[in-house]
Protein backbone atom coordinates (compact mmCIF):
# COMPACT_ATOMS: atom_id res chain seq x y z
CA MET A 1 205.62 154.08 72.49
CA THR A 2 206.15 150.20 72.74
CA LEU A 3 206.27 148.82 76.24
CA VAL A 4 209.49 146.75 76.66
CA LEU A 5 208.19 143.76 78.97
CA GLU A 6 211.76 141.82 78.54
CA PRO A 7 213.17 142.59 81.97
CA ALA A 8 210.05 141.46 83.68
CA VAL A 9 209.67 138.40 81.53
CA GLN A 10 213.05 137.13 82.23
CA ALA A 11 212.82 137.46 85.86
CA LEU A 12 209.34 135.73 85.79
CA GLU A 13 210.70 132.86 83.76
CA ARG A 14 213.39 132.39 86.35
CA ARG A 15 211.35 132.34 89.18
CA TYR A 16 208.82 130.18 87.62
CA ARG A 17 211.22 127.45 87.11
CA ALA A 18 212.50 127.55 90.49
CA PHE A 19 209.00 128.21 92.62
CA PHE A 20 207.06 125.29 90.59
CA ALA A 21 210.20 122.95 90.44
CA ARG A 22 208.30 120.40 92.73
CA GLY A 23 204.83 121.53 92.94
CA GLU A 24 201.69 121.69 90.55
CA GLU A 25 202.40 124.44 88.02
CA VAL A 26 199.98 127.18 87.59
CA PRO A 27 200.04 128.72 83.91
CA PHE A 28 199.79 132.44 83.76
CA ALA A 29 200.47 135.03 81.16
CA VAL A 30 201.91 138.69 81.11
CA ARG A 31 200.58 141.09 78.70
CA ALA A 32 201.72 144.50 77.64
CA ALA A 33 198.81 146.98 77.44
CA GLY A 34 198.48 148.94 73.91
CA ASP A 35 200.45 146.27 71.28
CA GLY A 36 198.95 143.24 73.15
CA SER A 37 202.15 141.34 73.06
CA VAL A 38 201.60 138.23 75.23
CA HIS A 39 204.09 136.01 77.16
CA ARG A 40 202.98 132.92 78.81
CA PHE A 41 204.28 130.72 81.74
CA GLY A 42 203.55 127.30 82.19
CA PRO A 43 201.64 124.71 80.10
CA GLY A 44 198.12 124.90 79.31
CA GLU A 45 195.64 127.92 79.39
CA PRO A 46 196.89 130.72 81.54
CA ARG A 47 194.47 130.83 84.76
CA PHE A 48 195.01 134.77 84.98
CA THR A 49 196.92 137.67 83.01
CA LEU A 50 198.92 140.48 84.26
CA VAL A 51 198.59 143.50 82.01
CA VAL A 52 201.30 145.69 82.42
CA ASN A 53 200.42 149.40 81.54
CA ASN A 54 203.65 151.44 82.02
CA PRO A 55 207.15 151.09 82.68
CA ARG A 56 206.49 151.21 86.50
CA GLY A 57 204.65 148.18 86.01
CA VAL A 58 207.44 146.43 84.31
CA SER A 59 209.75 147.44 87.32
CA ALA A 60 207.39 146.16 89.79
CA LEU A 61 207.11 142.64 88.14
CA ALA A 62 210.62 142.50 87.54
CA SER A 63 211.52 143.18 91.14
CA LEU A 64 209.50 139.89 92.04
CA ASP A 65 208.64 141.85 95.31
CA LEU A 66 205.03 141.20 96.60
CA LEU A 67 204.79 144.60 98.13
CA GLY A 68 205.98 146.44 94.97
CA VAL A 69 203.42 144.05 92.67
CA THR A 70 200.63 144.78 95.07
CA THR A 71 201.35 148.56 95.03
CA ALA A 72 201.47 148.38 91.24
CA TYR A 73 198.12 146.92 91.07
CA LEU A 74 196.55 149.61 93.57
CA ASN A 75 197.92 152.52 91.24
CA GLY A 76 196.94 150.73 88.19
CA ASP A 77 200.37 150.27 86.93
CA VAL A 78 199.38 146.65 86.67
CA ASP A 79 195.69 145.21 86.05
CA LEU A 80 194.70 141.64 86.52
CA GLU A 81 192.46 139.64 84.31
CA GLY A 82 190.93 136.14 84.88
CA ASP A 83 190.99 134.04 87.77
CA PHE A 84 191.75 136.35 90.70
CA LEU A 85 191.83 133.59 93.33
CA ALA A 86 194.21 131.75 91.48
CA ALA A 87 196.29 134.86 91.29
CA ILE A 88 196.03 135.22 95.25
CA ASN A 89 196.86 131.53 95.97
CA VAL A 90 200.22 131.85 94.32
CA ARG A 91 201.24 134.83 96.39
CA ASP A 92 204.42 133.10 97.85
CA PHE A 93 205.77 133.57 94.12
CA PHE A 94 206.93 136.79 95.16
CA SER A 95 209.23 137.49 97.75
CA ASP A 96 208.38 139.62 100.87
CA ARG A 97 211.31 140.65 102.84
CA HIS A 98 211.32 144.26 104.19
CA PRO A 99 213.26 144.01 107.50
CA LEU A 100 213.37 147.88 107.90
CA GLN A 101 209.68 148.25 107.65
CA TYR A 102 208.89 145.41 109.82
CA ALA A 103 211.27 146.89 112.61
CA TRP A 104 209.63 150.30 112.41
CA ARG A 105 206.38 148.88 113.36
CA PHE A 106 207.78 148.22 116.84
CA VAL A 107 210.06 151.27 116.99
CA GLN A 108 207.14 153.51 116.96
CA PRO A 109 205.40 152.71 120.06
CA LEU A 110 208.73 153.17 121.95
CA LEU A 111 208.96 156.67 120.83
CA ARG A 112 205.33 157.79 120.74
CA GLY A 113 203.86 155.43 123.28
CA GLN A 114 201.38 152.40 122.65
CA VAL A 115 198.01 154.51 123.16
CA LYS A 116 199.10 157.34 121.13
CA SER A 117 200.35 155.12 118.07
CA ASP A 118 197.32 153.24 118.42
CA LYS A 119 195.19 156.28 118.03
CA LYS A 120 197.00 157.12 114.49
CA TRP A 121 196.77 153.81 113.15
CA ILE A 122 193.27 152.73 113.81
CA ALA A 123 192.20 155.92 112.13
CA GLN A 124 193.78 154.90 109.02
CA HIS A 125 191.93 151.77 108.74
CA TYR A 126 188.50 152.78 110.50
CA ASP A 127 188.12 156.32 109.52
CA TYR A 128 187.12 155.65 106.12
CA ASP A 129 183.33 156.85 105.11
CA GLN A 130 181.03 154.31 107.26
CA ASP A 131 178.98 153.87 104.10
CA PHE A 132 181.95 151.85 102.71
CA TYR A 133 182.09 149.40 105.45
CA LEU A 134 178.27 149.16 105.43
CA LEU A 135 178.50 147.97 101.71
CA PHE A 136 180.22 144.71 102.33
CA LEU A 137 179.54 143.99 106.28
CA ASP A 138 176.26 141.89 107.02
CA ARG A 139 173.05 143.75 106.72
CA ARG A 140 171.51 143.16 110.19
CA HIS A 141 174.16 143.60 112.80
CA ARG A 142 177.17 145.30 110.67
CA CYS A 143 179.63 143.03 112.69
CA TYR A 144 183.15 143.26 111.59
CA SER A 145 184.54 140.02 113.03
CA GLN A 146 183.49 136.51 112.23
CA GLY A 147 180.27 134.83 112.35
CA VAL A 148 179.53 131.45 113.73
CA PHE A 149 178.15 129.14 110.82
CA ALA A 150 176.06 126.37 111.31
CA ARG A 151 176.16 125.14 107.89
CA ASP A 152 178.02 126.71 104.68
CA ASP A 153 174.85 127.99 102.95
CA GLU A 154 173.59 129.87 105.92
CA PRO A 155 173.07 133.60 105.39
CA LEU A 156 175.83 135.82 106.94
CA GLU A 157 173.25 137.65 108.86
CA ASP A 158 172.19 134.42 110.93
CA ALA A 159 175.76 133.64 111.60
CA MET A 160 176.47 136.82 113.12
CA THR A 161 173.40 136.61 115.34
CA ARG A 162 174.39 133.42 116.62
CA LYS A 163 178.01 134.54 117.49
CA LEU A 164 176.64 137.78 119.25
CA ASP A 165 174.02 135.60 121.35
CA PHE A 166 177.01 133.10 122.00
CA ALA A 167 179.23 136.01 123.34
CA LEU A 168 176.34 137.39 125.62
CA GLY A 169 175.71 133.77 126.79
CA ALA A 170 179.18 133.00 127.45
CA VAL A 171 179.65 135.99 130.05
CA GLY A 172 176.19 135.48 131.48
CA ALA A 173 175.12 138.94 130.56
CA ARG A 174 171.44 139.89 131.91
CA PRO A 175 169.35 142.83 131.68
CA GLY A 176 170.72 145.55 133.99
CA ASN A 177 174.26 144.13 134.18
CA ARG A 178 177.17 146.60 133.17
CA VAL A 179 179.21 145.22 130.30
CA LEU A 180 182.26 146.73 128.66
CA ASP A 181 182.54 146.28 124.82
CA ILE A 182 186.05 146.95 123.22
CA GLY A 183 186.04 148.18 120.10
CA GLY A 184 182.49 149.38 119.20
CA GLY A 185 182.80 149.11 115.37
CA TRP A 186 179.61 149.66 113.63
CA GLY A 187 177.42 148.88 116.74
CA ALA A 188 176.86 144.91 116.61
CA MET A 189 177.19 144.53 120.38
CA THR A 190 175.96 147.84 121.28
CA GLU A 191 172.61 147.33 119.58
CA HIS A 192 172.31 143.69 120.13
CA ALA A 193 172.96 143.90 124.10
CA GLY A 194 171.20 147.17 124.34
CA LYS A 195 168.03 145.92 123.00
CA ARG A 196 168.22 143.33 125.69
CA GLY A 197 168.41 145.87 128.56
CA ILE A 198 172.07 145.31 128.99
CA ARG A 199 173.98 148.74 129.97
CA LEU A 200 176.82 148.50 127.59
CA THR A 201 179.96 150.93 127.66
CA SER A 202 181.37 150.94 124.02
CA LEU A 203 185.08 151.86 123.56
CA THR A 204 186.28 152.90 120.28
CA ILE A 205 189.08 155.19 119.03
CA SER A 206 187.60 155.80 115.72
CA LYS A 207 185.89 159.29 115.19
CA GLU A 208 183.71 157.50 112.28
CA SER A 209 182.60 154.83 114.71
CA GLU A 210 181.90 157.14 117.57
CA ALA A 211 179.45 158.96 115.31
CA PHE A 212 177.73 156.13 114.32
CA LEU A 213 177.47 154.58 117.41
CA LYS A 214 176.22 157.58 119.48
CA ALA A 215 173.46 157.98 116.48
CA LEU A 216 172.64 154.47 117.02
CA VAL A 217 172.14 154.52 120.86
CA GLU A 218 170.10 157.83 120.64
CA ARG A 219 167.70 156.54 117.79
CA GLY A 220 167.27 153.20 119.88
CA ARG A 221 167.11 154.94 123.02
CA LEU A 222 169.65 152.09 124.25
CA PRO A 223 170.76 152.02 127.64
CA CYS A 224 174.26 152.44 126.35
CA GLU A 225 177.10 154.87 126.58
CA VAL A 226 179.91 155.58 123.87
CA ARG A 227 183.57 156.56 124.74
CA ARG A 228 186.26 157.47 122.40
CA GLU A 229 188.85 156.09 124.57
CA HIS A 230 191.79 153.55 124.30
CA LEU A 231 191.16 150.39 126.59
CA PHE A 232 194.32 151.22 128.47
CA GLU A 233 192.99 154.89 129.16
CA HIS A 234 189.55 153.71 130.41
CA GLN A 235 189.11 154.20 134.16
CA PRO A 236 185.62 153.53 135.03
CA VAL A 237 183.66 154.73 138.24
CA GLU A 238 182.96 150.82 139.09
CA ARG A 239 183.91 147.54 137.77
CA TYR A 240 182.23 145.63 135.24
CA ASP A 241 180.06 142.45 135.08
CA ALA A 242 181.53 141.28 131.84
CA ILE A 243 183.93 142.17 129.19
CA VAL A 244 183.16 141.33 125.60
CA ASN A 245 185.98 141.98 122.52
CA LEU A 246 184.92 141.22 118.92
CA GLY A 247 187.92 141.19 116.89
CA VAL A 248 190.00 143.82 118.85
CA THR A 249 192.82 141.22 120.38
CA GLU A 250 194.79 141.74 117.17
CA HIS A 251 195.29 145.55 117.98
CA LEU A 252 196.43 144.43 121.77
CA PRO A 253 199.56 142.42 121.10
CA ASP A 254 200.79 142.91 124.58
CA TYR A 255 198.90 140.18 126.18
CA ALA A 256 200.07 140.60 129.72
CA ALA A 257 199.20 144.21 129.74
CA THR A 258 195.88 143.55 128.19
CA LEU A 259 194.98 140.76 130.93
CA ARG A 260 196.22 143.14 133.56
CA LYS A 261 193.67 145.77 132.50
CA TYR A 262 190.89 143.29 132.10
CA ASP A 263 191.81 142.29 135.60
CA ALA A 264 191.47 145.83 137.13
CA LEU A 265 188.22 146.38 135.17
CA LEU A 266 186.24 143.40 136.03
CA LYS A 267 184.25 142.35 139.35
CA PRO A 268 185.22 138.95 141.04
CA GLY A 269 183.50 136.26 138.88
CA ALA A 270 183.12 138.16 135.84
CA LYS A 271 183.75 136.64 132.52
CA ILE A 272 185.38 137.92 129.30
CA TYR A 273 184.47 136.88 125.68
CA LEU A 274 186.82 137.59 122.69
CA ASP A 275 187.25 136.40 119.42
CA ALA A 276 190.10 136.92 116.85
CA SER A 277 191.59 135.98 113.93
CA ALA A 278 195.09 134.11 114.52
CA THR A 279 198.31 132.68 113.30
CA ARG A 280 201.13 130.32 114.37
CA ARG A 281 203.61 132.89 114.32
CA LYS A 282 203.08 136.30 116.14
CA GLY A 283 203.74 139.32 113.74
CA GLY A 284 204.00 137.31 110.53
CA HIS A 285 201.52 138.95 108.35
CA ALA A 286 202.26 140.24 104.87
CA THR A 287 203.77 143.96 104.27
CA PHE A 288 200.99 144.73 102.30
CA LEU A 289 198.78 144.36 105.38
CA GLU A 290 201.01 146.48 107.51
CA LYS A 291 201.21 149.39 105.01
CA TYR A 292 197.75 149.52 103.39
CA ILE A 293 195.44 147.65 105.88
CA TYR A 294 196.33 147.38 109.41
CA PRO A 295 199.36 149.81 110.25
CA GLY A 296 201.14 149.37 113.46
CA ASN A 297 202.54 146.73 115.59
CA GLY A 298 199.22 144.82 115.91
CA SER A 299 199.46 140.97 115.14
CA LEU A 300 196.99 138.26 114.64
CA MET A 301 196.47 136.42 117.86
CA CYS A 302 198.87 133.71 118.50
CA LEU A 303 197.04 131.31 120.59
CA HIS A 304 199.73 129.40 122.21
CA GLU A 305 201.37 132.50 123.35
CA TYR A 306 198.19 134.13 124.57
CA LEU A 307 197.24 130.97 126.61
CA ALA A 308 200.78 131.01 128.20
CA GLU A 309 199.76 134.59 129.64
CA VAL A 310 196.46 133.36 130.52
CA ALA A 311 198.14 130.76 132.48
CA LYS A 312 200.40 133.24 134.42
CA SER A 313 197.43 135.57 135.22
CA PRO A 314 194.28 134.89 137.93
CA PHE A 315 192.03 133.93 134.96
CA TYR A 316 190.51 130.88 134.51
CA LEU A 317 190.32 129.35 130.79
CA ARG A 318 186.65 128.44 130.42
CA GLY A 319 186.71 127.49 126.47
CA VAL A 320 188.45 127.85 123.24
CA TRP A 321 186.43 127.20 119.81
CA ASP A 322 187.91 127.03 116.50
CA ASP A 323 186.26 129.11 113.94
CA ARG A 324 188.67 128.96 111.15
CA HIS A 325 185.97 127.81 108.55
CA SER A 326 183.44 130.13 110.02
CA TYR A 327 185.73 133.01 109.21
CA TYR A 328 186.64 131.81 105.89
CA LEU A 329 182.80 131.88 105.25
CA THR A 330 182.58 135.38 106.67
CA LEU A 331 185.53 136.72 104.53
CA LYS A 332 184.04 135.20 101.39
CA HIS A 333 180.67 136.72 102.10
CA TRP A 334 182.41 140.24 102.55
CA ALA A 335 184.59 139.82 99.43
CA GLU A 336 181.47 138.95 97.00
CA ASN A 337 179.52 141.77 98.66
CA LEU A 338 182.40 144.33 97.79
CA ASP A 339 182.55 142.68 94.18
CA ARG A 340 178.87 143.46 93.96
CA GLY A 341 179.39 146.97 95.05
CA ARG A 342 182.44 147.64 93.04
CA ALA A 343 180.89 150.08 90.71
CA GLU A 344 179.62 152.11 93.68
CA VAL A 345 182.99 151.97 95.59
CA GLU A 346 185.03 153.00 92.43
CA ARG A 347 182.58 156.13 91.82
CA ARG A 348 182.48 157.15 95.40
CA TRP A 349 185.91 156.27 96.89
CA GLY A 350 188.17 155.45 94.02
CA LYS A 351 189.41 152.31 92.29
CA ASP A 352 192.55 151.79 94.51
CA LEU A 353 190.24 151.41 97.64
CA TYR A 354 188.39 148.96 96.00
CA ARG A 355 191.44 146.98 94.86
CA LYS A 356 193.05 147.20 98.49
CA PHE A 357 190.05 145.72 100.19
CA GLN A 358 189.74 143.27 97.09
CA LEU A 359 192.97 142.00 97.99
CA TYR A 360 192.54 142.14 101.69
CA LEU A 361 189.31 140.11 101.67
CA TRP A 362 189.91 137.67 99.13
CA GLY A 363 193.59 137.07 100.64
CA ALA A 364 192.28 136.76 104.06
CA ALA A 365 189.47 134.16 102.92
CA ASP A 366 192.15 132.23 101.26
CA GLY A 367 194.60 132.37 104.14
CA MET A 368 191.70 130.84 106.30
CA ARG A 369 190.78 128.47 103.47
CA LEU A 370 194.23 126.92 103.22
CA ASP A 371 195.18 127.01 107.28
CA ARG A 372 197.49 129.89 106.74
CA ASN A 373 195.53 131.69 109.42
CA GLN A 374 193.11 130.69 111.78
CA ALA A 375 190.33 131.93 114.14
CA TYR A 376 189.12 131.44 117.61
CA ARG A 377 186.86 132.16 120.22
CA VAL A 378 187.94 132.47 123.92
CA VAL A 379 186.02 132.75 127.25
CA LEU A 380 187.90 133.68 130.54
CA GLU A 381 186.79 133.93 134.10
CA LYS A 382 188.13 136.04 136.95
CA PRO A 383 188.17 134.11 140.14
CA ALA A 384 185.36 135.00 142.54
C-alpha cells in the first residue's frame, strides 16, 4: 500500500514558510518508507530526513505537535536519518501546548499529597535496571548530576571527582561528621564521602537505587546508612553537621518548605551544598519531559525564585557558581556514551528506551549549549 504523505507535507510547508520567515533556514526532507517518495523543505541538501513508516506517522507530522511527533519517533512510526542535533535544534518548529496535562501535574499532589506523588513519579524515572544507567554515567562515580570541568577535553570522571571534592569542601565535611545526602542515586557521594570516614546517611525513594546503595555500603564497609525515605518524612535522632544535595532540587519545587526542612535537620553553623539544572521560568519544560522522563510537578530550579526564598529564611548565601557549560559537557558525554551502547540498550531494554533517552540527553545538552537552560552550584549556611 502506498503511504499518502500529502496531509503532512502541506502542514509542514505552511509551517516552514512561517517559522523560517526571518531566520536562517534549516533544510530537511520527509520520505515515505517503502516507495521512497521524498519531499524537500528549504534550499540546499537536507540536514536530516524524517522517514514516515505508517499512517500514524503521517498524522503525527500533520499535527505539528511536538509531543505527537516525539511519541511517533519513540513508537517507530517515524524514524530520523542524518544530523540528529540539527533536528533537535529546531524543536520549536513544532508547537507544545498541552494545558490540561500541564495543570494535571499540579493537581495530583493536591489530591494524593506531595510525598506519595513523588514516590510514584520518582519510580517511573529511576527504577529502570541499574545497568542501564551505569552504561552512560561516568565509570568512576556513577554521578547523575553535572561535573565541574577545568577544560573541555577533560575526562568526565575527573570533572565528577572535582565536583564531589568541591561539595564536601564547601560544607566542611570531616571524618566522623554526620552528613545527609538527599537522593543517593548510584552511590557517587555515598562512596566518595564514606571512603573519607564521613558518616553519611543517604536518602532515596527508588527501590533500584536503595538496593544498589546498600550493596555498595556493605561491599566497601563504609560508615554510611541508606534509608528509603522522602526528605519530608525523614526524622533523624540528632541533627546533621551538613547536607549535600546532588541534582534533587528539581524534585523539590516547594522551596520554602524545603528550606524549613533543611533548617530543622541541621545543627547551628552547618552548611548545605546543592547543585541543580535551572531555567529562567519555573515549570516551563517540554511536555515530552513531563510525560516520558520526569513525570510530576518537579521543575528545573528557578534561581531568582530560589534565592528569594533563601532571603526569607534564616540561611546565609555563601556562594553561587555558574555550571551551564560544565553541564553541557556532562550531558554531551552521557549522550555519546548512550550512543556507543545503543546496540546493547536496544537488545536488553528495547528501541523505545534508547530513543527516549537519546531525545532527553541530546536535547538537554543542546538546551545548555544555547542557554535555554542553566545550571548552578549553591552553598548555604545556617547561622551559628
